[in-house]
Amino acid sequence: VCQALHRARGQTGLWLGAYAAGTLALCLLSAWIAYQLHPATPVPPEVAAYAEQGRKHAALLDKASDKELKLIKEIQARRARPK
């Protein structure tokens, strides 16, 4: 019985690993195909704006003091109040 359980766990792990690898491979394949179809498609302005906003936020966090970082973490840890 123990051997059957260990074998079943191993097979489950193999199936999960194969599924994850297959999903990643298909994702990369679809991205490659999309790039081949439209290689010179520019980034939409909305996406560029979000990327720039992310860079600004990262720069602000890099400049934040320990006290400010602690306050930010406390705010993030709070539970949202129901409206």
PDB file of N, CA and C in Angstrom:
ATOM      1  N   VAL A   1       0.830  -1.191   0.000  1.00  0.00           N
ATOM      2  CA  VAL A   1       0.000   0.000   0.000  1.00  0.00           C
ATOM      3  C   VAL A   1       0.874   1.253   0.000  1.00  0.00           C
ATOM      4  N   CYS A   2       1.912   1.265   0.839  1.00  0.00           N
ATOM      5  CA  CYS A   2       2.787   2.440   0.902  1.00  0.00           C
ATOM      6  C   CYS A   2       3.480   2.677  -0.436  1.00  0.00           C
ATOM      7  N   GLN A   3       3.913   1.585  -1.076  1.00  0.00           N
ATOM      8  CA  GLN A   3       4.573   1.745  -2.377  1.00  0.00           C
ATOM      9  C   GLN A   3       3.612   2.329  -3.408  1.00  0.00           C
ATOM     10  N   ALA A   4       2.365   1.880  -3.362  1.00  0.00           N
ATOM     11  CA  ALA A   4       1.372   2.396  -4.311  1.00  0.00           C
ATOM     12  C   ALA A   4       1.133   3.887  -4.075  1.00  0.00           C
ATOM     13  N   LEU A   5       1.091   4.298  -2.793  1.00  0.00           N
ATOM     14  CA  LEU A   5       0.900   5.717  -2.494  1.00  0.00           C
ATOM     15  C   LEU A   5       2.075   6.551  -2.989  1.00  0.00           C
ATOM     16  N   HIS A   6       3.296   6.065  -2.730  1.00  0.00           N
ATOM     17  CA  HIS A   6       4.473   6.805  -3.178  1.00  0.00           C
ATOM     18  C   HIS A   6       4.512   6.888  -4.703  1.00  0.00           C
ATOM     19  N   ARG A   7       4.143   5.804  -5.366  1.00  0.00           N
ATOM     20  CA  ARG A   7       4.125   5.795  -6.823  1.00  0.00           C
ATOM     21  C   ARG A   7       3.075   6.769  -7.340  1.00  0.00           C
ATOM     22  N   ALA A   8       1.902   6.781  -6.696  1.00  0.00           N
ATOM     23  CA  ALA A   8       0.831   7.685  -7.123  1.00  0.00           C
ATOM     24  C   ALA A   8       1.248   9.143  -6.927  1.00  0.00           C
ATOM     25  N   ARG A   9       1.913   9.436  -5.817  1.00  0.00           N
ATOM     26  CA  ARG A   9       2.379  10.810  -5.583  1.00  0.00           C
ATOM     27  C   ARG A   9       3.400  11.217  -6.635  1.00  0.00           C
ATOM     28  N   GLY A  10       4.287  10.294  -6.972  1.00  0.00           N
ATOM     29  CA  GLY A  10       5.284  10.584  -7.997  1.00  0.00           C
ATOM     30  C   GLY A  10       4.645  10.829  -9.346  1.00  0.00           C
ATOM     31  N   GLN A  11       3.647  10.022  -9.678  1.00  0.00           N
ATOM     32  CA  GLN A  11       2.974  10.193 -10.964  1.00  0.00           C
ATOM     33  C   GLN A  11       2.210  11.510 -10.993  1.00  0.00           C
ATOM     34  N   THR A  12       1.594  11.855  -9.878  1.00  0.00           N
ATOM     35  CA  THR A  12       0.874  13.130  -9.813  1.00  0.00           C
ATOM     36  C   THR A  12       1.846  14.287 -10.008  1.00  0.00           C
ATOM     37  N   GLY A  13       2.990  14.202  -9.360  1.00  0.00           N
ATOM     38  CA  GLY A  13       4.002  15.243  -9.522  1.00  0.00           C
ATOM     39  C   GLY A  13       4.487  15.342 -10.957  1.00  0.00           C
ATOM     40  N   LEU A  14       4.662  14.190 -11.597  1.00  0.00           N
ATOM     41  CA  LEU A  14       5.085  14.200 -12.996  1.00  0.00           C
ATOM     42  C   LEU A  14       4.022  14.830 -13.881  1.00  0.00           C
ATOM     43  N   TRP A  15       2.756  14.502 -13.618  1.00  0.00           N
ATOM     44  CA  TRP A  15       1.675  15.084 -14.414  1.00  0.00           C
ATOM     45  C   TRP A  15       1.616  16.597 -14.224  1.00  0.00           C
ATOM     46  N   LEU A  16       1.758  17.040 -12.981  1.00  0.00           N
ATOM     47  CA  LEU A  16       1.736  18.483 -12.720  1.00  0.00           C
ATOM     48  C   LEU A  16       2.914  19.183 -13.392  1.00  0.00           C
ATOM     49  N   GLY A  17       4.074  18.569 -13.310  1.00  0.00           N
ATOM     50  CA  GLY A  17       5.248  19.147 -13.958  1.00  0.00           C
ATOM     51  C   GLY A  17       5.093  19.207 -15.467  1.00  0.00           C
ATOM     52  N   ALA A  18       4.569  18.129 -16.043  1.00  0.00           N
ATOM     53  CA  ALA A  18       4.349  18.104 -17.491  1.00  0.00           C
ATOM     54  C   ALA A  18       3.308  19.143 -17.896  1.00  0.00           C
ATOM     55  N   TYR A  19       2.258  19.278 -17.098  1.00  0.00           N
ATOM     56  CA  TYR A  19       1.216  20.264 -17.397  1.00  0.00           C
ATOM     57  C   TYR A  19       1.794  21.678 -17.350  1.00  0.00           C
ATOM     58  N   ALA A  20       2.576  21.967 -16.306  1.00  0.00           N
ATOM     59  CA  ALA A  20       3.176  23.302 -16.180  1.00  0.00           C
ATOM     60  C   ALA A  20       4.136  23.572 -17.335  1.00  0.00           C
ATOM     61  N   ALA A  21       4.959  22.581 -17.684  1.00  0.00           N
ATOM     62  CA  ALA A  21       5.905  22.762 -18.787  1.00  0.00           C
ATOM     63  C   ALA A  21       5.169  22.939 -20.113  1.00  0.00           C
ATOM     64  N   GLY A  22       4.124  22.155 -20.321  1.00  0.00           N
ATOM     65  CA  GLY A  22       3.341  22.280 -21.553  1.00  0.00           C
ATOM     66  C   GLY A  22       2.655  23.625 -21.656  1.00  0.00           C
ATOM     67  N   THR A  23       2.093  24.094 -20.549  1.00  0.00           N
ATOM     68  CA  THR A  23       1.426  25.397 -20.541  1.00  0.00           C
ATOM     69  C   THR A  23       2.421  26.514 -20.844  1.00  0.00           C
ATOM     70  N   LEU A  24       3.580  26.459 -20.223  1.00  0.00           N
ATOM     71  CA  LEU A  24       4.612  27.465 -20.476  1.00  0.00           C
ATOM     72  C   LEU A  24       5.070  27.417 -21.931  1.00  0.00           C
ATOM     73  N   ALA A  25       5.251  26.210 -22.468  1.00  0.00           N
ATOM     74  CA  ALA A  25       5.683  26.077 -23.861  1.00  0.00           C
ATOM     75  C   ALA A  25       4.646  26.662 -24.813  1.00  0.00           C
ATOM     76  N   LEU A  26       3.372  26.389 -24.570  1.00  0.00           N
ATOM     77  CA  LEU A  26       2.322  26.932 -25.437  1.00  0.00           C
ATOM     78  C   LEU A  26       2.228  28.453 -25.310  1.00  0.00           C
ATOM     79  N   CYS A  27       2.429  28.965 -24.115  1.00  0.00           N
ATOM     80  CA  CYS A  27       2.411  30.413 -23.909  1.00  0.00           C
ATOM     81  C   CYS A  27       3.545  31.075 -24.692  1.00  0.00           C
ATOM     82  N   LEU A  28       4.738  30.511 -24.595  1.00  0.00           N
ATOM     83  CA  LEU A  28       5.875  31.062 -25.326  1.00  0.00           C
ATOM     84  C   LEU A  28       5.680  30.928 -26.831  1.00  0.00           C
ATOM     85  N   LEU A  29       5.100  29.809 -27.267  1.00  0.00           N
ATOM     86  CA  LEU A  29       4.833  29.614 -28.687  1.00  0.00           C
ATOM     87  C   LEU A  29       3.844  30.650 -29.208  1.00  0.00           C
ATOM     88  N   SER A  30       2.785  30.903 -28.451  1.00  0.00           N
ATOM     89  CA  SER A  30       1.798  31.893 -28.897  1.00  0.00           C
ATOM     90  C   SER A  30       2.407  33.298 -28.923  1.00  0.00           C
ATOM     91  N   ALA A  31       3.274  33.614 -27.959  1.00  0.00           N
ATOM     92  CA  ALA A  31       3.943  34.918 -27.966  1.00  0.00           C
ATOM     93  C   ALA A  31       4.863  35.042 -29.174  1.00  0.00           C
ATOM     94  N   TRP A  32       5.584  33.979 -29.489  1.00  0.00           N
ATOM     95  CA  TRP A  32       6.482  33.999 -30.642  1.00  0.00           C
ATOM     96  C   TRP A  32       5.695  34.166 -31.938  1.00  0.00           C
ATOM     97  N   ILE A  33       4.575  33.450 -32.069  1.00  0.00           N
ATOM     98  CA  ILE A  33       3.736  33.564 -33.268  1.00  0.00           C
ATOM     99  C   ILE A  33       3.183  34.983 -33.389  1.00  0.00           C
ATOM    100  N   ALA A  34       2.718  35.549 -32.282  1.00  0.00           N
ATOM    101  CA  ALA A  34       2.194  36.916 -32.314  1.00  0.00           C
ATOM    102  C   ALA A  34       3.281  37.900 -32.733  1.00  0.00           C
ATOM    103  N   TYR A  35       4.492  37.694 -32.257  1.00  0.00           N
ATOM    104  CA  TYR A  35       5.592  38.581 -32.641  1.00  0.00           C
ATOM    105  C   TYR A  35       5.921  38.427 -34.123  1.00  0.00           C
ATOM    106  N   GLN A  36       5.871  37.192 -34.621  1.00  0.00           N
ATOM    107  CA  GLN A  36       6.155  36.971 -36.039  1.00  0.00           C
ATOM    108  C   GLN A  36       5.102  37.624 -36.925  1.00  0.00           C
ATOM    109  N   LEU A  37       3.861  37.626 -36.471  1.00  0.00           N
ATOM    110  CA  LEU A  37       2.791  38.221 -37.267  1.00  0.00           C
ATOM    111  C   LEU A  37       2.846  39.745 -37.252  1.00  0.00           C
ATOM    112  N   HIS A  38       3.196  40.328 -36.115  1.00  0.00           N
ATOM    113  CA  HIS A  38       3.206  41.789 -35.962  1.00  0.00           C
ATOM    114  C   HIS A  38       4.479  42.233 -35.243  1.00  0.00           C
ATOM    115  N   PRO A  39       5.632  42.169 -35.910  1.00  0.00           N
ATOM    116  CA  PRO A  39       6.884  42.479 -35.199  1.00  0.00           C
ATOM    117  C   PRO A  39       7.068  43.954 -34.857  1.00  0.00           C
ATOM    118  N   ALA A  40       6.468  44.844 -35.624  1.00  0.00           N
ATOM    119  CA  ALA A  40       6.724  46.268 -35.416  1.00  0.00           C
ATOM    120  C   ALA A  40       5.562  46.983 -34.738  1.00  0.00           C
ATOM    121  N   THR A  41       4.677  46.230 -34.097  1.00  0.00           N
ATOM    122  CA  THR A  41       3.535  46.853 -33.438  1.00  0.00           C
ATOM    123  C   THR A  41       4.028  47.631 -32.221  1.00  0.00           C
ATOM    124  N   PRO A  42       3.767  48.931 -32.164  1.00  0.00           N
ATOM    125  CA  PRO A  42       4.233  49.718 -31.018  1.00  0.00           C
ATOM    126  C   PRO A  42       3.418  49.409 -29.757  1.00  0.00           C
ATOM    127  N   VAL A  43       4.004  49.725 -28.643  1.00  0.00           N
ATOM    128  CA  VAL A  43       3.312  49.558 -27.368  1.00  0.00           C
ATOM    129  C   VAL A  43       2.212  50.617 -27.289  1.00  0.00           C
ATOM    130  N   PRO A  44       0.993  50.223 -26.907  1.00  0.00           N
ATOM    131  CA  PRO A  44      -0.083  51.218 -26.790  1.00  0.00           C
ATOM    132  C   PRO A  44       0.273  52.293 -25.759  1.00  0.00           C
ATOM    133  N   PRO A  45      -0.209  53.514 -25.952  1.00  0.00           N
ATOM    134  CA  PRO A  45       0.130  54.606 -25.024  1.00  0.00           C
ATOM    135  C   PRO A  45      -0.290  54.318 -23.587  1.00  0.00           C
ATOM    136  N   GLU A  46      -1.420  53.604 -23.407  1.00  0.00           N
ATOM    137  CA  GLU A  46      -1.868  53.298 -22.040  1.00  0.00           C
ATOM    138  C   GLU A  46      -0.849  52.413 -21.332  1.00  0.00           C
ATOM    139  N   VAL A  47      -0.329  51.416 -22.047  1.00  0.00           N
ATOM    140  CA  VAL A  47       0.652  50.505 -21.452  1.00  0.00           C
ATOM    141  C   VAL A  47       1.943  51.258 -21.146  1.00  0.00           C
ATOM    142  N   ALA A  48       2.355  52.132 -22.052  1.00  0.00           N
ATOM    143  CA  ALA A  48       3.562  52.929 -21.821  1.00  0.00           C
ATOM    144  C   ALA A  48       3.385  53.836 -20.605  1.00  0.00           C
ATOM    145  N   ALA A  49       2.186  54.390 -20.446  1.00  0.00           N
ATOM    146  CA  ALA A  49       1.924  55.256 -19.287  1.00  0.00           C
ATOM    147  C   ALA A  49       1.983  54.456 -17.988  1.00  0.00           C
ATOM    148  N   TYR A  50       1.425  53.239 -18.002  1.00  0.00           N
ATOM    149  CA  TYR A  50       1.479  52.398 -16.800  1.00  0.00           C
ATOM    150  C   TYR A  50       2.922  52.021 -16.468  1.00  0.00           C
ATOM    151  N   ALA A  51       3.719  51.739 -17.486  1.00  0.00           N
ATOM    152  CA  ALA A  51       5.119  51.395 -17.252  1.00  0.00           C
ATOM    153  C   ALA A  51       5.867  52.581 -16.649  1.00  0.00           C
ATOM    154  N   GLU A  52       5.606  53.770 -17.164  1.00  0.00           N
ATOM    155  CA  GLU A  52       6.258  54.973 -16.631  1.00  0.00           C
ATOM    156  C   GLU A  52       5.822  55.238 -15.193  1.00  0.00           C
ATOM    157  N   GLN A  53       4.537  55.030 -14.919  1.00  0.00           N
ATOM    158  CA  GLN A  53       4.035  55.211 -13.556  1.00  0.00           C
ATOM    159  C   GLN A  53       4.705  54.213 -12.611  1.00  0.00           C
ATOM    160  N   GLY A  54       4.898  52.982 -13.068  1.00  0.00           N
ATOM    161  CA  GLY A  54       5.586  51.982 -12.254  1.00  0.00           C
ATOM    162  C   GLY A  54       7.020  52.379 -11.958  1.00  0.00           C
ATOM    163  N   ARG A  55       7.699  52.947 -12.962  1.00  0.00           N
ATOM    164  CA  ARG A  55       9.076  53.409 -12.745  1.00  0.00           C
ATOM    165  C   ARG A  55       9.121  54.535 -11.714  1.00  0.00           C
ATOM    166  N   LYS A  56       8.150  55.452 -11.792  1.00  0.00           N
ATOM    167  CA  LYS A  56       8.102  56.557 -10.829  1.00  0.00           C
ATOM    168  C   LYS A  56       7.852  56.036  -9.416  1.00  0.00           C
ATOM    169  N   HIS A  57       6.951  55.065  -9.289  1.00  0.00           N
ATOM    170  CA  HIS A  57       6.670  54.497  -7.969  1.00  0.00           C
ATOM    171  C   HIS A  57       7.903  53.795  -7.418  1.00  0.00           C
ATOM    172  N   ALA A  58       8.610  53.067  -8.268  1.00  0.00           N
ATOM    173  CA  ALA A  58       9.822  52.380  -7.821  1.00  0.00           C
ATOM    174  C   ALA A  58      10.871  53.389  -7.365  1.00  0.00           C
ATOM    175  N   ALA A  59      10.992  54.500  -8.084  1.00  0.00           N
ATOM    176  CA  ALA A  59      11.958  55.534  -7.693  1.00  0.00           C
ATOM    177  C   ALA A  59      11.586  56.142  -6.344  1.00  0.00           C
ATOM    178  N   LEU A  60      10.290  56.371  -6.125  1.00  0.00           N
ATOM    179  CA  LEU A  60       9.852  56.915  -4.832  1.00  0.00           C
ATOM    180  C   LEU A  60      10.128  55.930  -3.698  1.00  0.00           C
ATOM    181  N   LEU A  61       9.877  54.646  -3.945  1.00  0.00           N
ATOM    182  CA  LEU A  61      10.137  53.648  -2.909  1.00  0.00           C
ATOM    183  C   LEU A  61      11.628  53.539  -2.611  1.00  0.00           C
ATOM    184  N   ASP A  62      12.469  53.713  -3.632  1.00  0.00           N
ATOM    185  CA  ASP A  62      13.912  53.670  -3.402  1.00  0.00           C
ATOM    186  C   ASP A  62      14.370  54.826  -2.518  1.00  0.00           C
ATOM    187  N   LYS A  63      13.690  55.967  -2.624  1.00  0.00           N
ATOM    188  CA  LYS A  63      14.069  57.154  -1.845  1.00  0.00           C
ATOM    189  C   LYS A  63      13.428  57.179  -0.457  1.00  0.00           C
ATOM    190  N   ALA A  64      12.479  56.286  -0.189  1.00  0.00           N
ATOM    191  CA  ALA A  64      11.736  56.322   1.076  1.00  0.00           C
ATOM    192  C   ALA A  64      12.631  55.932   2.252  1.00  0.00           C
ATOM    193  N   SER A  65      12.383  56.579   3.380  1.00  0.00           N
ATOM    194  CA  SER A  65      13.129  56.257   4.597  1.00  0.00           C
ATOM    195  C   SER A  65      12.537  54.999   5.230  1.00  0.00           C
ATOM    196  N   ASP A  66      13.226  54.487   6.236  1.00  0.00           N
ATOM    197  CA  ASP A  66      12.737  53.290   6.928  1.00  0.00           C
ATOM    198  C   ASP A  66      11.385  53.545   7.579  1.00  0.00           C
ATOM    199  N   LYS A  67      11.223  54.733   8.142  1.00  0.00           N
ATOM    200  CA  LYS A  67       9.955  55.083   8.794  1.00  0.00           C
ATOM    201  C   LYS A  67       8.822  55.096   7.769  1.00  0.00           C
ATOM    202  N   GLU A  68       9.088  55.673   6.598  1.00  0.00           N
ATOM    203  CA  GLU A  68       8.065  55.718   5.548  1.00  0.00           C
ATOM    204  C   GLU A  68       7.742  54.319   5.024  1.00  0.00           C
ATOM    205  N   LEU A  69       8.766  53.490   4.865  1.00  0.00           N
ATOM    206  CA  LEU A  69       8.536  52.120   4.401  1.00  0.00           C
ATOM    207  C   LEU A  69       7.703  51.331   5.405  1.00  0.00           C
ATOM    208  N   LYS A  70       7.980  51.549   6.694  1.00  0.00           N
ATOM    209  CA  LYS A  70       7.207  50.874   7.736  1.00  0.00           C
ATOM    210  C   LYS A  70       5.748  51.307   7.672  1.00  0.00           C
ATOM    211  N   LEU A  71       5.510  52.599   7.486  1.00  0.00           N
ATOM    212  CA  LEU A  71       4.149  53.116   7.383  1.00  0.00           C
ATOM    213  C   LEU A  71       3.435  52.544   6.156  1.00  0.00           C
ATOM    214  N   ILE A  72       4.138  52.458   5.040  1.00  0.00           N
ATOM    215  CA  ILE A  72       3.550  51.888   3.821  1.00  0.00           C
ATOM    216  C   ILE A  72       3.146  50.439   4.057  1.00  0.00           C
ATOM    217  N   LYS A  73       4.014  49.670   4.701  1.00  0.00           N
ATOM    218  CA  LYS A  73       3.700  48.258   4.970  1.00  0.00           C
ATOM    219  C   LYS A  73       2.507  48.124   5.906  1.00  0.00           C
ATOM    220  N   GLU A  74       2.409  49.019   6.893  1.00  0.00           N
ATOM    221  CA  GLU A  74       1.258  48.988   7.798  1.00  0.00           C
ATOM    222  C   GLU A  74      -0.034  49.282   7.045  1.00  0.00           C
ATOM    223  N   ILE A  75       0.013  50.250   6.150  1.00  0.00           N
ATOM    224  CA  ILE A  75      -1.179  50.592   5.365  1.00  0.00           C
ATOM    225  C   ILE A  75      -1.566  49.427   4.463  1.00  0.00           C
ATOM    226  N   GLN A  76      -0.589  48.789   3.835  1.00  0.00           N
ATOM    227  CA  GLN A  76      -0.882  47.656   2.958  1.00  0.00           C
ATOM    228  C   GLN A  76      -1.431  46.466   3.735  1.00  0.00           C
ATOM    229  N   ALA A  77      -1.019  46.330   4.998  1.00  0.00           N
ATOM    230  CA  ALA A  77      -1.457  45.195   5.802  1.00  0.00           C
ATOM    231  C   ALA A  77      -2.873  45.368   6.338  1.00  0.00           C
ATOM    232  N   ARG A  78      -3.382  46.592   6.340  1.00  0.00           N
ATOM    233  CA  ARG A  78      -4.738  46.826   6.840  1.00  0.00           C
ATOM    234  C   ARG A  78      -5.758  46.116   5.967  1.00  0.00           C
ATOM    235  N   ARG A  79      -6.797  45.658   6.606  1.00  0.00           N
ATOM    236  CA  ARG A  79      -7.889  45.051   5.847  1.00  0.00           C
ATOM    237  C   ARG A  79      -8.771  46.160   5.297  1.00  0.00           C
ATOM    238  N   ALA A  80      -9.298  45.926   4.123  1.00  0.00           N
ATOM    239  CA  ALA A  80     -10.194  46.909   3.509  1.00  0.00           C
ATOM    240  C   ALA A  80     -11.487  46.976   4.306  1.00  0.00           C
ATOM    241  N   ARG A  81     -11.933  48.185   4.551  1.00  0.00           N
ATOM    242  CA  ARG A  81     -13.184  48.363   5.291  1.00  0.00           C
ATOM    243  C   ARG A  81     -14.357  48.175   4.341  1.00  0.00           C
ATOM    244  N   PRO A  82     -15.356  47.419   4.770  1.00  0.00           N
ATOM    245  CA  PRO A  82     -16.533  47.263   3.897  1.00  0.00           C
ATOM    246  C   PRO A  82     -17.289  48.582   3.786  1.00  0.00           C
ATOM    247  N   LYS A  83     -17.803  48.847   2.604  1.00  0.00           N
ATOM    248  CA  LYS A  83     -18.510  50.112   2.369  1.00  0.00           C
ATOM    249  C   LYS A  83     -19.972  49.985   2.694  1.00  0.00           C
TER     250      LYS A  83
END
